[in-house]
Amino acid sequence: MGKQQMTEMLKGTLEGIVLAILAGQPAYGYEITARLREQGFSDIAEGTIYALLVRIEQRGFVDVTKVPSEKGPPRKVYSLNAEGTAYLDEFWGTWSFLAARIDQLHHHIEQSKEEGQ
């Protein structure tokens, strides 16, 4: 898959992906980026994650705790709250619906190709 296509597809799902990571355990921005990279999302810039964290904080999906850092200012640790959990549940439902429809369409197209040969 091309990088541009991946970027476009991630735009609509990255918020849910980050909330899913936070459902596992609270984390600060760099930890979230590292976990994304561990999961194969290597092309996501840290700046993208920090901007997204600001949005999900403003939307009330996470609670934020400032934790002292050995270097520099305190770190903001993000943890999923009840609103974020509800949103994540809705995200997974929507994802499952879309993934099933896309998979169904893909199989239909592939089957049509095979029958046409």
C-alpha atoms as a PDB file:
ATOM      1  CA  MET A   1       0.000   0.000   0.000  1.00  0.00           C
ATOM      2  CA  GLY A   2       1.268   3.418  -0.878  1.00  0.00           C
ATOM      3  CA  LYS A   3       2.235   5.841   1.887  1.00  0.00           C
ATOM      4  CA  GLN A   4      -0.291   8.466   0.732  1.00  0.00           C
ATOM      5  CA  GLN A   5      -3.129   5.927   0.705  1.00  0.00           C
ATOM      6  CA  MET A   6      -2.165   4.704   4.187  1.00  0.00           C
ATOM      7  CA  THR A   7      -2.081   8.279   5.489  1.00  0.00           C
ATOM      8  CA  GLU A   8      -5.531   9.016   4.099  1.00  0.00           C
ATOM      9  CA  MET A   9      -7.026   5.836   5.553  1.00  0.00           C
ATOM     10  CA  LEU A  10      -5.444   6.455   8.955  1.00  0.00           C
ATOM     11  CA  LYS A  11      -6.932   9.946   9.232  1.00  0.00           C
ATOM     12  CA  GLY A  12     -10.338   8.535  10.068  1.00  0.00           C
ATOM     13  CA  THR A  13      -9.148   5.776  12.357  1.00  0.00           C
ATOM     14  CA  LEU A  14      -6.122   7.080  14.262  1.00  0.00           C
ATOM     15  CA  GLU A  15      -8.213   8.542  17.070  1.00  0.00           C
ATOM     16  CA  GLY A  16      -9.775   5.137  17.745  1.00  0.00           C
ATOM     17  CA  ILE A  17      -6.399   3.421  17.489  1.00  0.00           C
ATOM     18  CA  VAL A  18      -4.878   5.758  20.095  1.00  0.00           C
ATOM     19  CA  LEU A  19      -7.872   5.293  22.401  1.00  0.00           C
ATOM     20  CA  ALA A  20      -7.459   1.523  22.035  1.00  0.00           C
ATOM     21  CA  ILE A  21      -3.820   1.837  23.094  1.00  0.00           C
ATOM     22  CA  LEU A  22      -4.881   3.884  26.120  1.00  0.00           C
ATOM     23  CA  ALA A  23      -7.514   1.267  26.989  1.00  0.00           C
ATOM     24  CA  GLY A  24      -4.600  -1.081  27.647  1.00  0.00           C
ATOM     25  CA  GLN A  25      -2.872   1.284  30.029  1.00  0.00           C
ATOM     26  CA  PRO A  26      -2.271   5.013  30.553  1.00  0.00           C
ATOM     27  CA  ALA A  27       0.632   6.516  28.618  1.00  0.00           C
ATOM     28  CA  TYR A  28       2.296   9.769  27.668  1.00  0.00           C
ATOM     29  CA  GLY A  29       2.749  10.979  24.098  1.00  0.00           C
ATOM     30  CA  TYR A  30       6.085   9.393  23.308  1.00  0.00           C
ATOM     31  CA  GLU A  31       4.967   6.032  24.763  1.00  0.00           C
ATOM     32  CA  ILE A  32       1.880   6.107  22.555  1.00  0.00           C
ATOM     33  CA  THR A  33       4.020   6.805  19.492  1.00  0.00           C
ATOM     34  CA  ALA A  34       6.382   3.954  20.462  1.00  0.00           C
ATOM     35  CA  ARG A  35       3.460   1.541  20.884  1.00  0.00           C
ATOM     36  CA  LEU A  36       2.075   2.537  17.516  1.00  0.00           C
ATOM     37  CA  ARG A  37       5.449   1.838  15.931  1.00  0.00           C
ATOM     38  CA  GLU A  38       5.588  -1.553  17.682  1.00  0.00           C
ATOM     39  CA  GLN A  39       2.244  -2.322  16.031  1.00  0.00           C
ATOM     40  CA  GLY A  40       3.606  -1.450  12.583  1.00  0.00           C
ATOM     41  CA  PHE A  41       2.449   2.165  12.317  1.00  0.00           C
ATOM     42  CA  SER A  42       5.978   3.389  11.675  1.00  0.00           C
ATOM     43  CA  ASP A  43       5.183   6.393   9.461  1.00  0.00           C
ATOM     44  CA  ILE A  44       3.122   8.316  12.013  1.00  0.00           C
ATOM     45  CA  ALA A  45       4.879  11.484  13.099  1.00  0.00           C
ATOM     46  CA  GLU A  46       5.028  12.371  16.800  1.00  0.00           C
ATOM     47  CA  GLY A  47       3.502  15.754  16.007  1.00  0.00           C
ATOM     48  CA  THR A  48       0.427  14.007  14.612  1.00  0.00           C
ATOM     49  CA  ILE A  49      -0.004  12.098  17.877  1.00  0.00           C
ATOM     50  CA  TYR A  50       0.427  15.194  20.049  1.00  0.00           C
ATOM     51  CA  ALA A  51      -2.182  17.096  18.014  1.00  0.00           C
ATOM     52  CA  LEU A  52      -4.550  14.142  18.311  1.00  0.00           C
ATOM     53  CA  LEU A  53      -3.978  13.970  22.088  1.00  0.00           C
ATOM     54  CA  VAL A  54      -4.987  17.624  22.394  1.00  0.00           C
ATOM     55  CA  ARG A  55      -8.199  16.862  20.462  1.00  0.00           C
ATOM     56  CA  ILE A  56      -9.174  13.817  22.517  1.00  0.00           C
ATOM     57  CA  GLU A  57      -8.443  15.734  25.718  1.00  0.00           C
ATOM     58  CA  GLN A  58     -10.673  18.607  24.527  1.00  0.00           C
ATOM     59  CA  ARG A  59     -13.418  16.128  23.605  1.00  0.00           C
ATOM     60  CA  GLY A  60     -13.308  14.709  27.132  1.00  0.00           C
ATOM     61  CA  PHE A  61     -12.242  11.163  26.186  1.00  0.00           C
ATOM     62  CA  VAL A  62      -9.195  11.065  28.455  1.00  0.00           C
ATOM     63  CA  ASP A  63      -8.102  12.160  31.882  1.00  0.00           C
ATOM     64  CA  VAL A  64      -4.699  13.816  32.105  1.00  0.00           C
ATOM     65  CA  THR A  65      -2.248  13.600  34.981  1.00  0.00           C
ATOM     66  CA  LYS A  66       0.989  15.559  35.062  1.00  0.00           C
ATOM     67  CA  VAL A  67       3.897  13.410  36.200  1.00  0.00           C
ATOM     68  CA  PRO A  68       7.348  14.826  37.027  1.00  0.00           C
ATOM     69  CA  SER A  69      10.002  14.130  34.402  1.00  0.00           C
ATOM     70  CA  GLU A  70      13.729  13.656  34.964  1.00  0.00           C
ATOM     71  CA  LYS A  71      14.348  15.880  31.964  1.00  0.00           C
ATOM     72  CA  GLY A  72      12.308  18.985  31.227  1.00  0.00           C
ATOM     73  CA  PRO A  73       8.725  19.809  32.131  1.00  0.00           C
ATOM     74  CA  PRO A  74       6.262  17.328  33.655  1.00  0.00           C
ATOM     75  CA  ARG A  75       4.835  14.699  31.301  1.00  0.00           C
ATOM     76  CA  LYS A  76       1.142  14.519  30.575  1.00  0.00           C
ATOM     77  CA  VAL A  77      -0.044  10.956  31.138  1.00  0.00           C
ATOM     78  CA  TYR A  78      -3.303  10.169  29.344  1.00  0.00           C
ATOM     79  CA  SER A  79      -5.776   7.592  30.616  1.00  0.00           C
ATOM     80  CA  LEU A  80      -9.032   6.547  29.022  1.00  0.00           C
ATOM     81  CA  ASN A  81     -12.114   7.645  30.973  1.00  0.00           C
ATOM     82  CA  ALA A  82     -15.775   6.546  30.783  1.00  0.00           C
ATOM     83  CA  GLU A  83     -16.566   8.872  27.856  1.00  0.00           C
ATOM     84  CA  GLY A  84     -13.513   7.635  25.993  1.00  0.00           C
ATOM     85  CA  THR A  85     -14.455   4.027  26.670  1.00  0.00           C
ATOM     86  CA  ALA A  86     -17.957   4.621  25.304  1.00  0.00           C
ATOM     87  CA  TYR A  87     -16.505   6.309  22.215  1.00  0.00           C
ATOM     88  CA  LEU A  88     -14.035   3.446  21.747  1.00  0.00           C
ATOM     89  CA  ASP A  89     -16.862   0.880  21.972  1.00  0.00           C
ATOM     90  CA  GLU A  90     -18.715   2.833  19.276  1.00  0.00           C
ATOM     91  CA  PHE A  91     -15.520   3.004  17.190  1.00  0.00           C
ATOM     92  CA  TRP A  92     -15.090  -0.799  17.342  1.00  0.00           C
ATOM     93  CA  GLY A  93     -18.723  -1.313  16.339  1.00  0.00           C
ATOM     94  CA  THR A  94     -18.342   1.023  13.383  1.00  0.00           C
ATOM     95  CA  TRP A  95     -15.003  -0.538  12.455  1.00  0.00           C
ATOM     96  CA  SER A  96     -16.481  -4.056  12.525  1.00  0.00           C
ATOM     97  CA  PHE A  97     -19.395  -2.969  10.337  1.00  0.00           C
ATOM     98  CA  LEU A  98     -17.154  -1.230   7.792  1.00  0.00           C
ATOM     99  CA  ALA A  99     -14.545  -4.004   7.747  1.00  0.00           C
ATOM    100  CA  ALA A 100     -17.248  -6.616   7.122  1.00  0.00           C
ATOM    101  CA  ARG A 101     -18.788  -4.584   4.274  1.00  0.00           C
ATOM    102  CA  ILE A 102     -15.393  -3.900   2.676  1.00  0.00           C
ATOM    103  CA  ASP A 103     -14.408  -7.565   2.994  1.00  0.00           C
ATOM    104  CA  GLN A 104     -17.731  -8.622   1.489  1.00  0.00           C
ATOM    105  CA  LEU A 105     -17.243  -6.226  -1.424  1.00  0.00           C
ATOM    106  CA  HIS A 106     -13.669  -7.427  -1.959  1.00  0.00           C
ATOM    107  CA  HIS A 107     -14.724 -11.080  -2.051  1.00  0.00           C
ATOM    108  CA  HIS A 108     -17.607 -10.275  -4.414  1.00  0.00           C
ATOM    109  CA  ILE A 109     -15.264  -8.466  -6.807  1.00  0.00           C
ATOM    110  CA  GLU A 110     -12.658 -11.253  -6.658  1.00  0.00           C
ATOM    111  CA  GLN A 111     -15.330 -13.894  -7.263  1.00  0.00           C
ATOM    112  CA  SER A 112     -16.652 -11.903 -10.232  1.00  0.00           C
ATOM    113  CA  LYS A 113     -13.139 -11.734 -11.692  1.00  0.00           C
ATOM    114  CA  GLU A 114     -12.690 -15.501 -11.350  1.00  0.00           C
ATOM    115  CA  GLU A 115     -16.064 -16.210 -12.968  1.00  0.00           C
ATOM    116  CA  GLY A 116     -15.250 -13.836 -15.830  1.00  0.00           C
ATOM    117  CA  GLN A 117     -12.038 -15.683 -16.734  1.00  0.00           C
END
